[in-house]
Amino acid sequence: MGTGVAGGEELLLLVSPSSGNGRALRAAAPVTEALRQAGYAPRVVATESLPDATRLAAAAPAGSVVAALGGDGLLGAAAGGVKDSGAILLPLAGGRGNDTVRRLGLGVDAVETVRRLDRLRVRPMDLGEVNGRPFLGVANAGFDGLANERGNQSKLNLGPLIYLYGGLRAFLEWRGVEFTVTVDGRTSTFTGWFAAVGNLGQYGGGLRICPRAQGDDGRLDVVSLGRASILGVATTFLRSYRGTHLRHRSIRLDYGASVQISANRPLNVYADGERATELPATVSILPAALRILAPADSPALSGGPGTPRHPGASLD
């Protein structure tokens, strides 16, 4: 593929040293070389934190490409930055679950994604925020958040299965919680297990907890689970791998632009697999807030096929 500009177009490559137990860091060199071969001149920066990733992406030139190599948390943080800068986000798998890239249809081989850049298109995408913290996939509180916490604490190298391990540990600790969830002014109070708010709608290494969610429909999908036995909870999560869990009698589904969640006990809120805040929390959607490189036939984006992006191409 031609470069379009002499010497290659500069691209910011953000790398999370901690993602995937070092997976992103190990992939940085081959990804950098693949980007050079694709006609870019990568500037590689190891991020110090998620806010640092947001800051770096926010400082990128409008119309340039910011590639984020790391887990879902890094991708969400970078998305918050390109929202402000007008740069274009290229998500690259470098974590354990890699739900964002899976849902977008990009695949989990970052080098292969770069090699297929000519097949990707610039697509508008919504951005979620929970108490001001940006996210792309899911913001959640409850049992699933505790499972995520226990999975993140583990040093076991189980890949996406680490979240199943975390779920088994969380079962031993969970006690019933009363949630209050308000969606665009509609309030429900229930005793149950979790409340999940989806933009792309996938988390936990393949759990399509909000299976109808689209990343460009301008709304949030809200899925919660009320009273259920441990077997019912386990069945719900197992079925969510295929997105067939919404038929469970204790599942509630709603849609809206603004969601408030509170509970009768302290709970952490997770966003893109990272601890984001505590309840109470407000989740909002920013329609078409950023531009992202994704396949024309991405299963998570329902709009048009988008426009090509290659070094030197103008998008303005």
C-alpha atoms as a PDB file:
ATOM      1  CA  MET A   1       0.000   0.000   0.000  1.00  0.00           C
ATOM      2  CA  GLY A   2       1.410   3.403  -0.957  1.00  0.00           C
ATOM      3  CA  THR A   3       2.355   5.788   1.801  1.00  0.00           C
ATOM      4  CA  GLY A   4       0.771   8.875   0.257  1.00  0.00           C
ATOM      5  CA  VAL A   5       3.376  11.149   1.900  1.00  0.00           C
ATOM      6  CA  ALA A   6       7.148  11.227   1.802  1.00  0.00           C
ATOM      7  CA  GLY A   7       8.698   9.355   4.667  1.00  0.00           C
ATOM      8  CA  GLY A   8       5.374   8.095   6.011  1.00  0.00           C
ATOM      9  CA  GLU A   9       2.653   9.785   8.049  1.00  0.00           C
ATOM     10  CA  GLU A  10       3.203  10.096  11.768  1.00  0.00           C
ATOM     11  CA  LEU A  11       0.986   7.937  13.943  1.00  0.00           C
ATOM     12  CA  LEU A  12       0.772   7.838  17.723  1.00  0.00           C
ATOM     13  CA  LEU A  13       0.992   4.302  19.108  1.00  0.00           C
ATOM     14  CA  LEU A  14      -0.074   4.096  22.749  1.00  0.00           C
ATOM     15  CA  VAL A  15       1.100   0.954  24.528  1.00  0.00           C
ATOM     16  CA  SER A  16      -0.054  -0.151  27.966  1.00  0.00           C
ATOM     17  CA  PRO A  17       2.860  -1.866  29.766  1.00  0.00           C
ATOM     18  CA  SER A  18       0.512  -3.615  32.202  1.00  0.00           C
ATOM     19  CA  SER A  19      -2.179  -4.895  29.820  1.00  0.00           C
ATOM     20  CA  GLY A  20      -2.545  -8.644  29.462  1.00  0.00           C
ATOM     21  CA  ASN A  21       0.291  -9.380  31.900  1.00  0.00           C
ATOM     22  CA  GLY A  22       2.719  -7.731  29.486  1.00  0.00           C
ATOM     23  CA  ARG A  23       1.068  -8.914  26.259  1.00  0.00           C
ATOM     24  CA  ALA A  24       0.798  -5.395  24.818  1.00  0.00           C
ATOM     25  CA  LEU A  25       4.409  -4.603  25.641  1.00  0.00           C
ATOM     26  CA  ARG A  26       5.592  -7.800  23.920  1.00  0.00           C
ATOM     27  CA  ALA A  27       3.521  -6.991  20.853  1.00  0.00           C
ATOM     28  CA  ALA A  28       4.773  -3.403  20.566  1.00  0.00           C
ATOM     29  CA  ALA A  29       7.819  -4.153  18.390  1.00  0.00           C
ATOM     30  CA  PRO A  30       6.068  -6.318  15.743  1.00  0.00           C
ATOM     31  CA  VAL A  31       3.104  -3.917  15.661  1.00  0.00           C
ATOM     32  CA  THR A  32       5.454  -0.968  15.162  1.00  0.00           C
ATOM     33  CA  GLU A  33       7.165  -2.741  12.276  1.00  0.00           C
ATOM     34  CA  ALA A  34       3.816  -3.624  10.697  1.00  0.00           C
ATOM     35  CA  LEU A  35       2.760   0.024  10.922  1.00  0.00           C
ATOM     36  CA  ARG A  36       5.971   1.091   9.168  1.00  0.00           C
ATOM     37  CA  GLN A  37       5.305  -1.406   6.419  1.00  0.00           C
ATOM     38  CA  ALA A  38       1.792   0.023   6.109  1.00  0.00           C
ATOM     39  CA  GLY A  39       3.228   3.472   5.398  1.00  0.00           C
ATOM     40  CA  TYR A  40       3.172   5.090   8.828  1.00  0.00           C
ATOM     41  CA  ALA A  41       5.941   6.564  10.977  1.00  0.00           C
ATOM     42  CA  PRO A  42       4.884   5.409  14.465  1.00  0.00           C
ATOM     43  CA  ARG A  43       5.694   7.416  17.567  1.00  0.00           C
ATOM     44  CA  VAL A  44       5.538   4.841  20.348  1.00  0.00           C
ATOM     45  CA  VAL A  45       4.595   5.953  23.852  1.00  0.00           C
ATOM     46  CA  ALA A  46       4.223   3.649  26.863  1.00  0.00           C
ATOM     47  CA  THR A  47       1.323   5.019  28.896  1.00  0.00           C
ATOM     48  CA  GLU A  48       1.714   5.639  32.606  1.00  0.00           C
ATOM     49  CA  SER A  49      -1.995   5.386  33.426  1.00  0.00           C
ATOM     50  CA  LEU A  50      -5.428   5.553  31.827  1.00  0.00           C
ATOM     51  CA  PRO A  51      -5.678   9.336  32.366  1.00  0.00           C
ATOM     52  CA  ASP A  52      -2.269   9.630  30.727  1.00  0.00           C
ATOM     53  CA  ALA A  53      -3.597   7.760  27.674  1.00  0.00           C
ATOM     54  CA  THR A  54      -6.563  10.124  27.486  1.00  0.00           C
ATOM     55  CA  ARG A  55      -4.264  13.140  27.715  1.00  0.00           C
ATOM     56  CA  LEU A  56      -1.934  11.870  24.991  1.00  0.00           C
ATOM     57  CA  ALA A  57      -4.797  11.042  22.623  1.00  0.00           C
ATOM     58  CA  ALA A  58      -6.379  14.444  23.294  1.00  0.00           C
ATOM     59  CA  ALA A  59      -3.150  16.127  22.158  1.00  0.00           C
ATOM     60  CA  ALA A  60      -2.956  14.277  18.822  1.00  0.00           C
ATOM     61  CA  PRO A  61      -3.517  16.320  15.647  1.00  0.00           C
ATOM     62  CA  ALA A  62      -7.045  16.258  14.252  1.00  0.00           C
ATOM     63  CA  GLY A  63      -7.381  13.683  11.487  1.00  0.00           C
ATOM     64  CA  SER A  64      -4.264  11.762  12.544  1.00  0.00           C
ATOM     65  CA  VAL A  65      -4.406   8.155  13.723  1.00  0.00           C
ATOM     66  CA  VAL A  66      -4.017   7.152  17.371  1.00  0.00           C
ATOM     67  CA  ALA A  67      -3.413   3.404  17.690  1.00  0.00           C
ATOM     68  CA  ALA A  68      -4.101   1.995  21.162  1.00  0.00           C
ATOM     69  CA  LEU A  69      -2.426  -1.330  21.960  1.00  0.00           C
ATOM     70  CA  GLY A  70      -3.706  -2.724  25.227  1.00  0.00           C
ATOM     71  CA  GLY A  71      -6.765  -3.941  27.054  1.00  0.00           C
ATOM     72  CA  ASP A  72     -10.303  -2.601  26.910  1.00  0.00           C
ATOM     73  CA  GLY A  73      -9.532  -0.025  29.579  1.00  0.00           C
ATOM     74  CA  LEU A  74      -6.776   1.561  27.490  1.00  0.00           C
ATOM     75  CA  LEU A  75      -9.005   1.641  24.411  1.00  0.00           C
ATOM     76  CA  GLY A  76     -11.768   3.393  26.316  1.00  0.00           C
ATOM     77  CA  ALA A  77      -9.331   5.909  27.776  1.00  0.00           C
ATOM     78  CA  ALA A  78      -7.865   6.655  24.335  1.00  0.00           C
ATOM     79  CA  ALA A  79     -11.390   7.049  22.958  1.00  0.00           C
ATOM     80  CA  GLY A  80     -12.007   9.773  25.528  1.00  0.00           C
ATOM     81  CA  GLY A  81      -8.957  11.590  24.189  1.00  0.00           C
ATOM     82  CA  VAL A  82      -9.682  11.366  20.454  1.00  0.00           C
ATOM     83  CA  LYS A  83     -13.182  12.674  21.211  1.00  0.00           C
ATOM     84  CA  ASP A  84     -11.533  15.976  22.104  1.00  0.00           C
ATOM     85  CA  SER A  85      -8.728  16.023  19.526  1.00  0.00           C
ATOM     86  CA  GLY A  86     -10.586  14.830  16.443  1.00  0.00           C
ATOM     87  CA  ALA A  87      -7.986  12.108  15.824  1.00  0.00           C
ATOM     88  CA  ILE A  88      -9.034   8.663  14.596  1.00  0.00           C
ATOM     89  CA  LEU A  89      -8.779   5.681  16.940  1.00  0.00           C
ATOM     90  CA  LEU A  90      -7.294   2.362  15.825  1.00  0.00           C
ATOM     91  CA  PRO A  91      -8.033  -0.234  18.554  1.00  0.00           C
ATOM     92  CA  LEU A  92      -5.462  -3.038  18.786  1.00  0.00           C
ATOM     93  CA  ALA A  93      -5.779  -6.129  20.981  1.00  0.00           C
ATOM     94  CA  GLY A  94      -3.248  -6.280  23.802  1.00  0.00           C
ATOM     95  CA  GLY A  95      -5.229  -7.313  26.851  1.00  0.00           C
ATOM     96  CA  ARG A  96      -6.756 -10.485  28.258  1.00  0.00           C
ATOM     97  CA  GLY A  97     -10.416 -10.223  27.316  1.00  0.00           C
ATOM     98  CA  ASN A  98     -10.114  -7.887  24.296  1.00  0.00           C
ATOM     99  CA  ASP A  99     -13.868  -7.448  24.149  1.00  0.00           C
ATOM    100  CA  THR A 100     -13.813  -4.134  22.302  1.00  0.00           C
ATOM    101  CA  VAL A 101     -11.845  -5.414  19.320  1.00  0.00           C
ATOM    102  CA  ARG A 102     -13.787  -8.682  19.271  1.00  0.00           C
ATOM    103  CA  ARG A 103     -17.118  -6.865  19.210  1.00  0.00           C
ATOM    104  CA  LEU A 104     -15.943  -4.483  16.493  1.00  0.00           C
ATOM    105  CA  GLY A 105     -14.812  -7.426  14.347  1.00  0.00           C
ATOM    106  CA  LEU A 106     -11.135  -6.469  14.376  1.00  0.00           C
ATOM    107  CA  GLY A 107      -9.749  -9.736  15.744  1.00  0.00           C
ATOM    108  CA  VAL A 108      -7.268 -10.390  18.528  1.00  0.00           C
ATOM    109  CA  ASP A 109      -4.039 -10.445  16.477  1.00  0.00           C
ATOM    110  CA  ALA A 110      -2.824  -6.847  16.531  1.00  0.00           C
ATOM    111  CA  VAL A 111      -0.190  -7.363  13.843  1.00  0.00           C
ATOM    112  CA  GLU A 112      -2.742  -8.928  11.511  1.00  0.00           C
ATOM    113  CA  THR A 113      -5.118  -6.012  12.141  1.00  0.00           C
ATOM    114  CA  VAL A 114      -2.411  -3.579  11.038  1.00  0.00           C
ATOM    115  CA  ARG A 115      -1.652  -5.658   7.955  1.00  0.00           C
ATOM    116  CA  ARG A 116      -5.310  -5.339   6.971  1.00  0.00           C
ATOM    117  CA  LEU A 117      -5.551  -1.598   7.498  1.00  0.00           C
ATOM    118  CA  ASP A 118      -6.523  -1.092   3.861  1.00  0.00           C
ATOM    119  CA  ARG A 119      -9.719  -3.056   4.577  1.00  0.00           C
ATOM    120  CA  LEU A 120     -10.772  -0.841   7.477  1.00  0.00           C
ATOM    121  CA  ARG A 121     -12.982   2.216   7.242  1.00  0.00           C
ATOM    122  CA  VAL A 122     -13.393   5.356   9.319  1.00  0.00           C
ATOM    123  CA  ARG A 123     -16.662   4.955  11.220  1.00  0.00           C
ATOM    124  CA  PRO A 124     -18.440   7.344  13.602  1.00  0.00           C
ATOM    125  CA  MET A 125     -19.032   5.830  17.040  1.00  0.00           C
ATOM    126  CA  ASP A 126     -20.758   6.719  20.289  1.00  0.00           C
ATOM    127  CA  LEU A 127     -18.880   7.128  23.543  1.00  0.00           C
ATOM    128  CA  GLY A 128     -20.218   6.207  26.961  1.00  0.00           C
ATOM    129  CA  GLU A 129     -19.348   8.082  30.144  1.00  0.00           C
ATOM    130  CA  VAL A 130     -19.862   7.008  33.751  1.00  0.00           C
ATOM    131  CA  ASN A 131     -19.452   9.841  36.244  1.00  0.00           C
ATOM    132  CA  GLY A 132     -17.401  11.514  33.511  1.00  0.00           C
ATOM    133  CA  ARG A 133     -15.139   8.494  32.844  1.00  0.00           C
ATOM    134  CA  PRO A 134     -15.147   7.414  29.151  1.00  0.00           C
ATOM    135  CA  PHE A 135     -15.862   3.847  28.057  1.00  0.00           C
ATOM    136  CA  LEU A 136     -16.587   1.940  24.859  1.00  0.00           C
ATOM    137  CA  GLY A 137     -17.993  -1.389  26.030  1.00  0.00           C
ATOM    138  CA  VAL A 138     -19.905  -1.753  29.295  1.00  0.00           C
ATOM    139  CA  ALA A 139     -20.250   0.075  32.598  1.00  0.00           C
ATOM    140  CA  ASN A 140     -21.464  -2.287  35.301  1.00  0.00           C
ATOM    141  CA  ALA A 141     -22.045  -2.613  39.029  1.00  0.00           C
ATOM    142  CA  GLY A 142     -22.896  -5.635  41.143  1.00  0.00           C
ATOM    143  CA  PHE A 143     -21.916  -9.271  41.108  1.00  0.00           C
ATOM    144  CA  ASP A 144     -20.297  -8.960  37.685  1.00  0.00           C
ATOM    145  CA  GLY A 145     -18.162  -6.083  38.966  1.00  0.00           C
ATOM    146  CA  LEU A 146     -17.031  -8.191  41.920  1.00  0.00           C
ATOM    147  CA  ALA A 147     -16.197 -11.043  39.532  1.00  0.00           C
ATOM    148  CA  ASN A 148     -14.174  -8.631  37.404  1.00  0.00           C
ATOM    149  CA  GLU A 149     -12.361  -7.421  40.514  1.00  0.00           C
ATOM    150  CA  ARG A 150     -11.461 -10.937  41.593  1.00  0.00           C
ATOM    151  CA  GLY A 151     -10.323 -11.811  38.074  1.00  0.00           C
ATOM    152  CA  ASN A 152      -8.106  -8.738  37.849  1.00  0.00           C
ATOM    153  CA  GLN A 153      -6.535  -9.596  41.207  1.00  0.00           C
ATOM    154  CA  SER A 154      -5.495 -13.036  40.002  1.00  0.00           C
ATOM    155  CA  LYS A 155      -2.011 -13.655  38.638  1.00  0.00           C
ATOM    156  CA  LEU A 156      -3.135 -16.770  36.783  1.00  0.00           C
ATOM    157  CA  ASN A 157      -2.487 -16.732  33.038  1.00  0.00           C
ATOM    158  CA  LEU A 158      -5.946 -17.881  31.914  1.00  0.00           C
ATOM    159  CA  GLY A 159      -6.668 -15.355  29.161  1.00  0.00           C
ATOM    160  CA  PRO A 160     -10.412 -14.634  28.822  1.00  0.00           C
ATOM    161  CA  LEU A 161     -11.143 -17.519  31.244  1.00  0.00           C
ATOM    162  CA  ILE A 162      -9.804 -15.363  34.063  1.00  0.00           C
ATOM    163  CA  TYR A 163     -13.256 -13.772  34.316  1.00  0.00           C
ATOM    164  CA  LEU A 164     -14.888 -17.177  34.760  1.00  0.00           C
ATOM    165  CA  TYR A 165     -12.430 -17.806  37.582  1.00  0.00           C
ATOM    166  CA  GLY A 166     -13.330 -14.421  39.057  1.00  0.00           C
ATOM    167  CA  GLY A 167     -17.027 -15.302  38.846  1.00  0.00           C
ATOM    168  CA  LEU A 168     -16.553 -18.513  40.804  1.00  0.00           C
ATOM    169  CA  ARG A 169     -14.774 -16.590  43.560  1.00  0.00           C
ATOM    170  CA  ALA A 170     -17.435 -13.875  43.582  1.00  0.00           C
ATOM    171  CA  PHE A 171     -20.221 -16.443  44.092  1.00  0.00           C
ATOM    172  CA  LEU A 172     -18.727 -17.258  47.478  1.00  0.00           C
ATOM    173  CA  GLU A 173     -18.892 -13.620  48.606  1.00  0.00           C
ATOM    174  CA  TRP A 174     -22.074 -12.182  47.104  1.00  0.00           C
ATOM    175  CA  ARG A 175     -25.116 -11.220  49.155  1.00  0.00           C
ATOM    176  CA  GLY A 176     -28.379  -9.781  47.819  1.00  0.00           C
ATOM    177  CA  VAL A 177     -28.301  -6.059  47.003  1.00  0.00           C
ATOM    178  CA  GLU A 178     -31.167  -3.631  46.410  1.00  0.00           C
ATOM    179  CA  PHE A 179     -30.568  -1.594  43.257  1.00  0.00           C
ATOM    180  CA  THR A 180     -32.374   1.512  42.070  1.00  0.00           C
ATOM    181  CA  VAL A 181     -32.009   2.096  38.326  1.00  0.00           C
ATOM    182  CA  THR A 182     -33.455   5.125  36.538  1.00  0.00           C
ATOM    183  CA  VAL A 183     -33.450   5.200  32.724  1.00  0.00           C
ATOM    184  CA  ASP A 184     -34.533   8.505  31.164  1.00  0.00           C
ATOM    185  CA  GLY A 185     -36.725   9.171  34.190  1.00  0.00           C
ATOM    186  CA  ARG A 186     -38.178   5.635  34.501  1.00  0.00           C
ATOM    187  CA  THR A 187     -37.236   4.197  37.911  1.00  0.00           C
ATOM    188  CA  SER A 188     -37.187   0.588  39.067  1.00  0.00           C
ATOM    189  CA  THR A 189     -36.027  -0.805  42.411  1.00  0.00           C
ATOM    190  CA  PHE A 190     -35.192  -4.468  42.791  1.00  0.00           C
ATOM    191  CA  THR A 191     -33.131  -6.911  44.805  1.00  0.00           C
ATOM    192  CA  GLY A 192     -30.746  -8.723  42.567  1.00  0.00           C
ATOM    193  CA  TRP A 193     -27.331  -9.326  41.145  1.00  0.00           C
ATOM    194  CA  PHE A 194     -26.202  -6.606  38.737  1.00  0.00           C
ATOM    195  CA  ALA A 195     -26.964  -3.654  36.502  1.00  0.00           C
ATOM    196  CA  ALA A 196     -25.001  -3.361  33.253  1.00  0.00           C
ATOM    197  CA  VAL A 197     -25.101  -0.443  30.835  1.00  0.00           C
ATOM    198  CA  GLY A 198     -23.811  -1.154  27.351  1.00  0.00           C
ATOM    199  CA  ASN A 199     -22.453   0.875  24.459  1.00  0.00           C
ATOM    200  CA  LEU A 200     -20.758  -1.940  22.530  1.00  0.00           C
ATOM    201  CA  GLY A 201     -22.288  -4.228  25.154  1.00  0.00           C
ATOM    202  CA  GLN A 202     -19.623  -6.943  25.582  1.00  0.00           C
ATOM    203  CA  TYR A 203     -17.292  -7.607  28.515  1.00  0.00           C
ATOM    204  CA  GLY A 204     -15.699 -10.352  30.583  1.00  0.00           C
ATOM    205  CA  GLY A 205     -13.910 -12.143  27.747  1.00  0.00           C
ATOM    206  CA  GLY A 206     -16.886 -12.683  25.444  1.00  0.00           C
ATOM    207  CA  LEU A 207     -20.017 -12.068  27.536  1.00  0.00           C
ATOM    208  CA  ARG A 208     -22.524 -10.264  25.309  1.00  0.00           C
ATOM    209  CA  ILE A 209     -24.398  -8.935  28.301  1.00  0.00           C
ATOM    210  CA  CYS A 210     -26.203  -6.311  26.166  1.00  0.00           C
ATOM    211  CA  PRO A 211     -26.564  -8.379  22.983  1.00  0.00           C
ATOM    212  CA  ARG A 212     -28.641  -5.820  21.073  1.00  0.00           C
ATOM    213  CA  ALA A 213     -26.224  -2.968  21.706  1.00  0.00           C
ATOM    214  CA  GLN A 214     -24.783  -1.080  18.739  1.00  0.00           C
ATOM    215  CA  GLY A 215     -21.932   1.370  19.027  1.00  0.00           C
ATOM    216  CA  ASP A 216     -23.525   3.987  16.771  1.00  0.00           C
ATOM    217  CA  ASP A 217     -27.236   3.963  17.641  1.00  0.00           C
ATOM    218  CA  GLY A 218     -27.099   6.917  20.048  1.00  0.00           C
ATOM    219  CA  ARG A 219     -28.496   5.004  23.021  1.00  0.00           C
ATOM    220  CA  LEU A 220     -27.472   2.893  25.997  1.00  0.00           C
ATOM    221  CA  ASP A 221     -28.722  -0.655  26.548  1.00  0.00           C
ATOM    222  CA  VAL A 222     -29.506  -1.382  30.208  1.00  0.00           C
ATOM    223  CA  VAL A 223     -29.618  -5.018  31.344  1.00  0.00           C
ATOM    224  CA  SER A 224     -30.151  -6.002  34.977  1.00  0.00           C
ATOM    225  CA  LEU A 225     -30.722  -9.265  36.793  1.00  0.00           C
ATOM    226  CA  GLY A 226     -33.119  -9.391  39.745  1.00  0.00           C
ATOM    227  CA  ARG A 227     -33.810 -12.277  42.123  1.00  0.00           C
ATOM    228  CA  ALA A 228     -32.345 -15.528  40.875  1.00  0.00           C
ATOM    229  CA  SER A 229     -30.763 -18.679  42.260  1.00  0.00           C
ATOM    230  CA  ILE A 230     -27.048 -19.290  41.896  1.00  0.00           C
ATOM    231  CA  LEU A 231     -27.912 -21.739  39.125  1.00  0.00           C
ATOM    232  CA  GLY A 232     -30.008 -19.043  37.457  1.00  0.00           C
ATOM    233  CA  VAL A 233     -27.146 -16.568  37.643  1.00  0.00           C
ATOM    234  CA  ALA A 234     -24.673 -19.086  36.238  1.00  0.00           C
ATOM    235  CA  THR A 235     -27.086 -19.927  33.417  1.00  0.00           C
ATOM    236  CA  THR A 236     -27.551 -16.233  32.646  1.00  0.00           C
ATOM    237  CA  PHE A 237     -23.837 -15.651  32.231  1.00  0.00           C
ATOM    238  CA  LEU A 238     -23.294 -18.835  30.231  1.00  0.00           C
ATOM    239  CA  ARG A 239     -26.115 -17.922  27.875  1.00  0.00           C
ATOM    240  CA  SER A 240     -24.743 -14.414  27.520  1.00  0.00           C
ATOM    241  CA  TYR A 241     -21.813 -15.788  25.520  1.00  0.00           C
ATOM    242  CA  ARG A 242     -24.372 -16.282  22.755  1.00  0.00           C
ATOM    243  CA  GLY A 243     -26.565 -13.355  23.753  1.00  0.00           C
ATOM    244  CA  THR A 244     -29.567 -15.579  24.516  1.00  0.00           C
ATOM    245  CA  HIS A 245     -29.957 -14.729  28.218  1.00  0.00           C
ATOM    246  CA  LEU A 246     -32.570 -11.992  27.819  1.00  0.00           C
ATOM    247  CA  ARG A 247     -35.331 -14.622  28.058  1.00  0.00           C
ATOM    248  CA  HIS A 248     -34.587 -15.212  31.748  1.00  0.00           C
ATOM    249  CA  ARG A 249     -37.638 -14.146  33.769  1.00  0.00           C
ATOM    250  CA  SER A 250     -35.562 -11.991  36.131  1.00  0.00           C
ATOM    251  CA  ILE A 251     -33.766 -10.067  33.368  1.00  0.00           C
ATOM    252  CA  ARG A 252     -34.839  -6.471  32.812  1.00  0.00           C
ATOM    253  CA  LEU A 253     -34.015  -4.669  29.549  1.00  0.00           C
ATOM    254  CA  ASP A 254     -34.357  -0.961  28.866  1.00  0.00           C
ATOM    255  CA  TYR A 255     -32.888   1.680  26.574  1.00  0.00           C
ATOM    256  CA  GLY A 256     -32.074   5.325  27.088  1.00  0.00           C
ATOM    257  CA  ALA A 257     -29.632   8.209  26.915  1.00  0.00           C
ATOM    258  CA  SER A 258     -29.130   8.727  30.656  1.00  0.00           C
ATOM    259  CA  VAL A 259     -28.982   6.102  33.405  1.00  0.00           C
ATOM    260  CA  GLN A 260     -28.636   6.570  37.167  1.00  0.00           C
ATOM    261  CA  ILE A 261     -27.697   3.608  39.374  1.00  0.00           C
ATOM    262  CA  SER A 262     -27.585   3.402  43.170  1.00  0.00           C
ATOM    263  CA  ALA A 263     -27.655   0.580  45.726  1.00  0.00           C
ATOM    264  CA  ASN A 264     -28.204  -0.016  49.442  1.00  0.00           C
ATOM    265  CA  ARG A 265     -24.565  -0.958  49.985  1.00  0.00           C
ATOM    266  CA  PRO A 266     -21.245   0.372  48.667  1.00  0.00           C
ATOM    267  CA  LEU A 267     -20.358  -1.025  45.248  1.00  0.00           C
ATOM    268  CA  ASN A 268     -17.638  -0.238  42.743  1.00  0.00           C
ATOM    269  CA  VAL A 269     -18.533   0.575  39.158  1.00  0.00           C
ATOM    270  CA  TYR A 270     -16.413  -0.952  36.399  1.00  0.00           C
ATOM    271  CA  ALA A 271     -16.067   0.431  32.878  1.00  0.00           C
ATOM    272  CA  ASP A 272     -14.264  -1.486  30.131  1.00  0.00           C
ATOM    273  CA  GLY A 273     -13.025  -3.870  32.820  1.00  0.00           C
ATOM    274  CA  GLU A 274     -11.426  -1.153  34.963  1.00  0.00           C
ATOM    275  CA  ARG A 275     -12.596   0.247  38.270  1.00  0.00           C
ATOM    276  CA  ALA A 276     -14.067   3.614  37.303  1.00  0.00           C
ATOM    277  CA  THR A 277     -16.020   4.992  40.253  1.00  0.00           C
ATOM    278  CA  GLU A 278     -18.440   4.047  43.020  1.00  0.00           C
ATOM    279  CA  LEU A 279     -22.209   4.079  43.254  1.00  0.00           C
ATOM    280  CA  PRO A 280     -24.216   6.209  42.924  1.00  0.00           C
ATOM    281  CA  ALA A 281     -23.325   6.707  39.276  1.00  0.00           C
ATOM    282  CA  THR A 282     -24.711   8.445  36.222  1.00  0.00           C
ATOM    283  CA  VAL A 283     -24.087   6.876  32.812  1.00  0.00           C
ATOM    284  CA  SER A 284     -24.591   8.904  29.650  1.00  0.00           C
ATOM    285  CA  ILE A 285     -24.064   8.471  25.921  1.00  0.00           C
ATOM    286  CA  LEU A 286     -22.345  10.901  23.564  1.00  0.00           C
ATOM    287  CA  PRO A 287     -23.633  10.059  20.061  1.00  0.00           C
ATOM    288  CA  ALA A 288     -21.069   9.972  17.230  1.00  0.00           C
ATOM    289  CA  ALA A 289     -18.476  11.453  19.592  1.00  0.00           C
ATOM    290  CA  LEU A 290     -15.437   9.901  17.923  1.00  0.00           C
ATOM    291  CA  ARG A 291     -14.137   8.320  14.748  1.00  0.00           C
ATOM    292  CA  ILE A 292     -12.772   4.823  14.759  1.00  0.00           C
ATOM    293  CA  LEU A 293     -11.142   2.446  12.274  1.00  0.00           C
ATOM    294  CA  ALA A 294     -13.283  -0.692  11.938  1.00  0.00           C
ATOM    295  CA  PRO A 295     -14.394  -3.137   9.245  1.00  0.00           C
ATOM    296  CA  ALA A 296     -17.079  -1.941   6.851  1.00  0.00           C
ATOM    297  CA  ASP A 297     -19.186  -4.896   7.981  1.00  0.00           C
ATOM    298  CA  SER A 298     -18.489  -4.514  11.712  1.00  0.00           C
ATOM    299  CA  PRO A 299     -21.202  -6.358  13.686  1.00  0.00           C
ATOM    300  CA  ALA A 300     -21.228  -3.584  16.307  1.00  0.00           C
ATOM    301  CA  LEU A 301     -21.799  -0.653  13.963  1.00  0.00           C
ATOM    302  CA  SER A 302     -25.079  -0.388  12.107  1.00  0.00           C
ATOM    303  CA  GLY A 303     -24.460   2.721  10.003  1.00  0.00           C
ATOM    304  CA  GLY A 304     -22.949   2.981   6.527  1.00  0.00           C
ATOM    305  CA  PRO A 305     -19.651   1.396   5.466  1.00  0.00           C
ATOM    306  CA  GLY A 306     -17.580   4.503   6.287  1.00  0.00           C
ATOM    307  CA  THR A 307     -14.669   5.965   4.327  1.00  0.00           C
ATOM    308  CA  PRO A 308     -11.218   4.522   3.558  1.00  0.00           C
ATOM    309  CA  ARG A 309      -8.230   5.639   5.599  1.00  0.00           C
ATOM    310  CA  HIS A 310      -4.622   5.341   4.475  1.00  0.00           C
ATOM    311  CA  PRO A 311      -1.519   7.458   5.008  1.00  0.00           C
ATOM    312  CA  GLY A 312      -1.855  10.845   3.383  1.00  0.00           C
ATOM    313  CA  ALA A 313      -5.612  10.597   2.833  1.00  0.00           C
ATOM    314  CA  SER A 314      -7.642  13.657   3.727  1.00  0.00           C
ATOM    315  CA  LEU A 315     -10.848  13.236   5.698  1.00  0.00           C
ATOM    316  CA  ASP A 316     -11.868  16.895   5.845  1.00  0.00           C
END
